[in-house]
């Protein structure tokens, strides 16, 4: 009776609230765990991007400002709030010539006025380091 009507009304309001919130783009957030490469050993560098909506997004790894092509995307995951998460991983085998390279992850999305970029640079002492 009345409880079913109230429950249905509540479920409807929750769906409308979720639908309305998804009409507005959500700004992506970016996180890159600090990693050190080991000389002549394959090393992976993940770029975690989360909390964005809609799901269309462009994520790129850059080395010294140049796009890197040997990257792998995770499968985009949808969160309970309707936003998305994605990880882009760059894997390479560092050599001595890679020491000092600047690695960065750049994200372009509808909710951003300009691309979001985070990385490591020699001015912060966070360039690609290689252990011998």
Protein backbone atom coordinates (compact mmCIF):
# COMPACT_ATOMS: atom_id res chain seq x y z
CA UNK A 1 0.00 0.00 0.00
CA UNK A 2 1.39 3.32 1.15
CA UNK A 3 4.90 2.00 1.87
CA UNK A 4 5.23 0.77 -1.74
CA UNK A 5 4.20 4.19 -3.07
CA UNK A 6 6.68 5.97 -0.77
CA UNK A 7 9.48 3.56 -1.72
CA UNK A 8 8.73 3.95 -5.45
CA UNK A 9 8.69 7.73 -5.05
CA UNK A 10 12.05 7.64 -3.24
CA UNK A 11 13.58 5.40 -5.92
CA UNK A 12 12.28 7.78 -8.60
CA UNK A 13 13.79 10.79 -6.82
CA UNK A 14 17.15 9.03 -6.50
CA UNK A 15 17.13 8.22 -10.23
CA UNK A 16 16.22 11.82 -11.12
CA UNK A 17 18.96 13.11 -8.81
CA UNK A 18 21.54 10.81 -10.44
CA UNK A 19 20.33 11.69 -13.94
CA UNK A 20 20.46 15.44 -13.22
CA UNK A 21 23.93 15.21 -11.68
CA UNK A 22 25.21 13.38 -14.76
CA UNK A 23 24.11 16.22 -17.03
CA UNK A 24 26.99 18.28 -15.64
CA UNK A 25 30.55 17.30 -16.58
CA UNK A 26 32.77 16.16 -13.70
CA UNK A 27 36.40 17.28 -13.69
CA UNK A 28 38.99 14.49 -13.82
CA UNK A 29 41.60 14.12 -11.10
CA UNK A 30 45.07 12.77 -11.77
CA UNK A 31 47.59 10.79 -9.73
CA UNK A 32 50.99 9.41 -10.70
CA UNK A 33 52.78 7.22 -8.14
CA UNK A 34 56.47 8.12 -7.98
CA UNK A 35 58.56 5.34 -9.52
CA UNK A 36 62.23 4.79 -10.23
CA UNK A 37 63.35 2.87 -13.28
CA UNK A 38 65.96 0.14 -13.00
CA UNK A 39 68.60 0.23 -15.73
CA UNK A 40 67.97 -2.36 -18.47
CA UNK A 41 64.86 -3.66 -16.69
CA UNK A 42 61.28 -3.12 -17.88
CA UNK A 43 59.58 -0.49 -15.71
CA UNK A 44 55.90 0.52 -15.64
CA UNK A 45 54.61 4.02 -14.90
CA UNK A 46 50.84 4.27 -14.24
CA UNK A 47 48.78 7.44 -14.63
CA UNK A 48 45.53 7.13 -12.66
CA UNK A 49 42.65 9.39 -13.73
CA UNK A 50 39.36 9.28 -11.83
CA UNK A 51 36.10 11.05 -11.10
CA UNK A 52 35.39 12.27 -14.63
CA UNK A 53 32.15 12.48 -16.59
CA UNK A 54 31.32 12.02 -19.40
CA UNK A 55 33.48 8.99 -20.14
CA UNK A 56 35.20 10.36 -23.26
CA UNK A 57 38.72 11.36 -22.25
CA UNK A 58 42.17 11.71 -23.82
CA UNK A 59 45.10 10.59 -21.65
CA UNK A 60 48.68 10.64 -22.93
CA UNK A 61 52.13 9.93 -21.56
CA UNK A 62 54.83 12.35 -22.70
CA UNK A 63 58.59 12.06 -22.52
CA UNK A 64 60.39 15.39 -22.86
CA UNK A 65 57.16 16.82 -24.35
CA UNK A 66 56.77 14.13 -27.02
CA UNK A 67 53.80 11.72 -27.17
CA UNK A 68 54.66 8.14 -26.26
CA UNK A 69 52.99 5.39 -28.25
CA UNK A 70 53.81 2.24 -26.28
CA UNK A 71 51.16 2.80 -23.62
CA UNK A 72 48.29 0.62 -22.42
CA UNK A 73 44.84 1.77 -21.19
CA UNK A 74 42.94 -0.08 -18.53
CA UNK A 75 39.28 -0.74 -19.19
CA UNK A 76 37.28 2.32 -18.15
CA UNK A 77 35.46 1.65 -14.87
CA UNK A 78 32.17 3.34 -14.04
CA UNK A 79 31.69 4.37 -10.40
CA UNK A 80 28.42 4.21 -8.45
CA UNK A 81 28.01 7.98 -8.84
CA UNK A 82 28.22 7.67 -12.64
CA UNK A 83 31.76 9.04 -12.99
CA UNK A 84 34.61 7.06 -14.54
CA UNK A 85 38.15 5.87 -13.68
CA UNK A 86 40.92 4.94 -16.10
CA UNK A 87 44.64 4.13 -15.86
CA UNK A 88 47.16 4.65 -18.65
CA UNK A 89 50.44 2.77 -18.15
CA UNK A 90 53.71 3.49 -19.92
CA UNK A 91 56.19 0.60 -19.86
CA UNK A 92 59.75 0.84 -21.10
CA UNK A 93 63.25 -0.42 -20.39
CA UNK A 94 65.42 2.50 -19.23
CA UNK A 95 68.96 2.88 -20.52
CA UNK A 96 71.65 5.28 -19.30
CA UNK A 97 70.53 7.80 -21.94
CA UNK A 98 67.06 7.99 -20.32
CA UNK A 99 68.41 9.44 -17.07
CA UNK A 100 67.10 12.99 -16.70
CA UNK A 101 64.17 12.55 -19.09
CA UNK A 102 60.97 14.34 -18.09
CA UNK A 103 57.92 12.05 -17.95
CA UNK A 104 54.45 13.54 -17.67
CA UNK A 105 50.85 12.48 -18.05
CA UNK A 106 48.44 14.87 -19.83
CA UNK A 107 44.63 14.66 -19.62
CA UNK A 108 42.17 16.44 -21.92
CA UNK A 109 38.46 16.35 -21.08
CA UNK A 110 35.25 18.31 -21.70
CA UNK A 111 35.20 19.52 -18.08
CA UNK A 112 38.69 21.06 -18.34
CA UNK A 113 39.35 24.54 -19.77
CA UNK A 114 42.90 23.40 -20.53
CA UNK A 115 44.67 20.03 -20.27
CA UNK A 116 45.67 18.76 -16.85
CA UNK A 117 49.30 17.66 -16.68
CA UNK A 118 51.43 16.12 -13.95
CA UNK A 119 54.82 14.54 -14.08
CA UNK A 120 58.42 14.52 -13.07
CA UNK A 121 60.93 17.18 -14.03
CA UNK A 122 64.62 17.73 -13.28
CA UNK A 123 63.86 21.03 -11.51
CA UNK A 124 62.00 19.09 -8.81
CA UNK A 125 64.63 16.37 -8.61
CA UNK A 126 61.99 14.00 -9.92
CA UNK A 127 63.33 13.08 -13.34
CA UNK A 128 63.61 9.51 -14.51
CA UNK A 129 66.34 7.97 -12.39
CA UNK A 130 68.04 4.74 -13.30
CA UNK A 131 69.76 2.43 -10.86
CA UNK A 132 72.91 0.69 -12.08
